C-alpha atoms as a PDB file:
ATOM      1  CA  UNK A   1     -49.290 -18.898 -54.290  1.00  0.00           C
ATOM      2  CA  UNK A   2     -46.076 -18.979 -52.373  1.00  0.00           C
ATOM      3  CA  UNK A   3     -45.852 -18.765 -48.577  1.00  0.00           C
ATOM      4  CA  UNK A   4     -43.309 -16.397 -47.127  1.00  0.00           C
ATOM      5  CA  UNK A   5     -41.621 -15.635 -43.812  1.00  0.00           C
ATOM      6  CA  UNK A   6     -41.990 -11.985 -42.810  1.00  0.00           C
ATOM      7  CA  UNK A   7     -39.504 -10.579 -40.293  1.00  0.00           C
ATOM      8  CA  UNK A   8     -39.930  -7.136 -38.732  1.00  0.00           C
ATOM      9  CA  UNK A   9     -37.028  -4.945 -37.619  1.00  0.00           C
ATOM     10  CA  UNK A  10     -37.207  -3.842 -33.993  1.00  0.00           C
ATOM     11  CA  UNK A  11     -37.643  -0.133 -34.756  1.00  0.00           C
ATOM     12  CA  UNK A  12     -40.722  -0.895 -36.872  1.00  0.00           C
ATOM     13  CA  UNK A  13     -42.103  -3.258 -34.232  1.00  0.00           C
ATOM     14  CA  UNK A  14     -41.794  -0.447 -31.657  1.00  0.00           C
ATOM     15  CA  UNK A  15     -43.361   2.092 -34.035  1.00  0.00           C
ATOM     16  CA  UNK A  16     -46.378  -0.151 -34.540  1.00  0.00           C
ATOM     17  CA  UNK A  17     -46.658  -1.001 -30.827  1.00  0.00           C
ATOM     18  CA  UNK A  18     -46.799   2.705 -30.013  1.00  0.00           C
ATOM     19  CA  UNK A  19     -49.332   3.429 -32.743  1.00  0.00           C
ATOM     20  CA  UNK A  20     -53.099   3.530 -32.740  1.00  0.00           C
ATOM     21  CA  UNK A  21     -55.311   0.441 -32.679  1.00  0.00           C
ATOM     22  CA  UNK A  22     -56.272   0.750 -36.363  1.00  0.00           C
ATOM     23  CA  UNK A  23     -52.631   0.779 -37.482  1.00  0.00           C
ATOM     24  CA  UNK A  24     -51.809  -2.269 -35.349  1.00  0.00           C
ATOM     25  CA  UNK A  25     -54.773  -4.184 -36.712  1.00  0.00           C
ATOM     26  CA  UNK A  26     -53.976  -3.335 -40.356  1.00  0.00           C
ATOM     27  CA  UNK A  27     -50.264  -4.043 -39.899  1.00  0.00           C
ATOM     28  CA  UNK A  28     -50.673  -7.536 -38.467  1.00  0.00           C
ATOM     29  CA  UNK A  29     -53.480  -8.333 -40.920  1.00  0.00           C
ATOM     30  CA  UNK A  30     -51.176  -7.466 -43.838  1.00  0.00           C
ATOM     31  CA  UNK A  31     -48.333  -9.494 -42.280  1.00  0.00           C
ATOM     32  CA  UNK A  32     -50.499 -12.575 -41.954  1.00  0.00           C
ATOM     33  CA  UNK A  33     -51.882 -12.105 -45.451  1.00  0.00           C
ATOM     34  CA  UNK A  34     -48.432 -11.657 -46.998  1.00  0.00           C
ATOM     35  CA  UNK A  35     -47.126 -14.769 -45.247  1.00  0.00           C
ATOM     36  CA  UNK A  36     -49.959 -16.875 -46.653  1.00  0.00           C
ATOM     37  CA  UNK A  37     -50.537 -15.226 -50.058  1.00  0.00           C
ATOM     38  CA  UNK A  38     -47.389 -13.248 -50.937  1.00  0.00           C
ATOM     39  CA  UNK A  39     -48.351 -12.707 -54.583  1.00  0.00           C
ATOM     40  CA  UNK A  40     -51.950 -11.683 -53.977  1.00  0.00           C
ATOM     41  CA  UNK A  41     -52.892  -8.599 -56.054  1.00  0.00           C
ATOM     42  CA  UNK A  42     -54.574  -6.699 -53.200  1.00  0.00           C
ATOM     43  CA  UNK A  43     -51.200  -6.309 -51.454  1.00  0.00           C
ATOM     44  CA  UNK A  44     -50.249  -4.018 -54.370  1.00  0.00           C
ATOM     45  CA  UNK A  45     -46.604  -5.115 -54.216  1.00  0.00           C
ATOM     46  CA  UNK A  46     -44.265  -2.796 -56.133  1.00  0.00           C
ATOM     47  CA  UNK A  47     -40.517  -2.674 -56.605  1.00  0.00           C
ATOM     48  CA  UNK A  48     -38.752   0.672 -56.352  1.00  0.00           C
ATOM     49  CA  UNK A  49     -36.361   1.517 -59.139  1.00  0.00           C
ATOM     50  CA  UNK A  50     -34.722   4.526 -57.506  1.00  0.00           C
ATOM     51  CA  UNK A  51     -34.869   3.832 -53.744  1.00  0.00           C
ATOM     52  CA  UNK A  52     -32.498   1.491 -51.900  1.00  0.00           C
ATOM     53  CA  UNK A  53     -31.709   0.396 -48.358  1.00  0.00           C
ATOM     54  CA  UNK A  54     -28.464   1.166 -46.522  1.00  0.00           C
ATOM     55  CA  UNK A  55     -26.873  -1.980 -47.977  1.00  0.00           C
ATOM     56  CA  UNK A  56     -27.736  -1.019 -51.566  1.00  0.00           C
ATOM     57  CA  UNK A  57     -30.491  -3.633 -51.873  1.00  0.00           C
ATOM     58  CA  UNK A  58     -33.622  -2.987 -53.907  1.00  0.00           C
ATOM     59  CA  UNK A  59     -36.693  -2.109 -51.890  1.00  0.00           C
ATOM     60  CA  UNK A  60     -40.317  -3.069 -52.312  1.00  0.00           C
ATOM     61  CA  UNK A  61     -43.579  -1.808 -50.882  1.00  0.00           C
ATOM     62  CA  UNK A  62     -47.000  -3.143 -50.077  1.00  0.00           C
ATOM     63  CA  UNK A  63     -50.006  -1.103 -49.097  1.00  0.00           C
ATOM     64  CA  UNK A  64     -50.837  -0.683 -45.416  1.00  0.00           C
ATOM     65  CA  UNK A  65     -53.750   1.642 -46.137  1.00  0.00           C
ATOM     66  CA  UNK A  66     -54.603   4.266 -48.733  1.00  0.00           C
ATOM     67  CA  UNK A  67     -51.962   6.742 -47.475  1.00  0.00           C
ATOM     68  CA  UNK A  68     -49.192   4.514 -46.090  1.00  0.00           C
ATOM     69  CA  UNK A  69     -46.984   1.734 -47.387  1.00  0.00           C
ATOM     70  CA  UNK A  70     -44.795  -0.848 -45.701  1.00  0.00           C
ATOM     71  CA  UNK A  71     -41.282  -0.829 -47.146  1.00  0.00           C
ATOM     72  CA  UNK A  72     -39.363  -4.095 -47.187  1.00  0.00           C
ATOM     73  CA  UNK A  73     -36.361  -5.893 -48.637  1.00  0.00           C
ATOM     74  CA  UNK A  74     -36.269  -9.436 -49.974  1.00  0.00           C
ATOM     75  CA  UNK A  75     -33.835 -11.856 -48.349  1.00  0.00           C
ATOM     76  CA  UNK A  76     -33.974 -14.974 -50.491  1.00  0.00           C
ATOM     77  CA  UNK A  77     -36.946 -16.628 -52.164  1.00  0.00           C
ATOM     78  CA  UNK A  78     -38.935 -17.249 -48.982  1.00  0.00           C
ATOM     79  CA  UNK A  79     -38.069 -14.387 -46.618  1.00  0.00           C
ATOM     80  CA  UNK A  80     -38.643 -10.628 -46.499  1.00  0.00           C
ATOM     81  CA  UNK A  81     -37.721  -8.061 -43.860  1.00  0.00           C
ATOM     82  CA  UNK A  82     -40.174  -5.246 -43.192  1.00  0.00           C
ATOM     83  CA  UNK A  83     -38.279  -2.023 -42.490  1.00  0.00           C
ATOM     84  CA  UNK A  84     -40.522   0.996 -42.177  1.00  0.00           C
ATOM     85  CA  UNK A  85     -43.961   2.508 -42.692  1.00  0.00           C
ATOM     86  CA  UNK A  86     -43.774   5.456 -45.086  1.00  0.00           C
ATOM     87  CA  UNK A  87     -46.210   7.725 -46.842  1.00  0.00           C
ATOM     88  CA  UNK A  88     -46.053   8.153 -50.614  1.00  0.00           C
ATOM     89  CA  UNK A  89     -44.408  11.597 -50.528  1.00  0.00           C
ATOM     90  CA  UNK A  90     -41.613  10.346 -48.299  1.00  0.00           C
ATOM     91  CA  UNK A  91     -40.876   7.523 -50.720  1.00  0.00           C
ATOM     92  CA  UNK A  92     -40.852   9.613 -53.886  1.00  0.00           C
ATOM     93  CA  UNK A  93     -38.487  12.230 -52.435  1.00  0.00           C
ATOM     94  CA  UNK A  94     -35.799   9.819 -51.233  1.00  0.00           C
ATOM     95  CA  UNK A  95     -33.168   7.666 -52.850  1.00  0.00           C
ATOM     96  CA  UNK A  96     -32.268   5.865 -49.636  1.00  0.00           C
ATOM     97  CA  UNK A  97     -34.447   4.482 -46.852  1.00  0.00           C
ATOM     98  CA  UNK A  98     -32.463   3.882 -43.671  1.00  0.00           C
ATOM     99  CA  UNK A  99     -33.348   2.155 -40.462  1.00  0.00           C
ATOM    100  CA  UNK A 100     -30.906   1.857 -37.592  1.00  0.00           C
ATOM    101  CA  UNK A 101     -31.509  -1.853 -37.124  1.00  0.00           C
ATOM    102  CA  UNK A 102     -29.273  -4.506 -38.629  1.00  0.00           C
ATOM    103  CA  UNK A 103     -31.075  -7.064 -40.750  1.00  0.00           C
END
């Protein structure tokens, strides 16, 4: 399994910091797990075919918990940038996921 560098945009870092203890714990657990075992099946990594970031790049998701996913973009073979936590309905209704941060 391949190791990976996970970067987090500032707006997401602030969202998590202001969240509840459970969300923080799950978020950083998934980050550590993805960095060590990026292809592990329990991350439930999926590529979107109809949702893009503000630069037109394809987006991916991994599961945070049963109701929420972490949306990210790949930046090369060994780096991803986590952009936002979304629920399933938010992801299926959009064609574009925007964050104000540059990445």
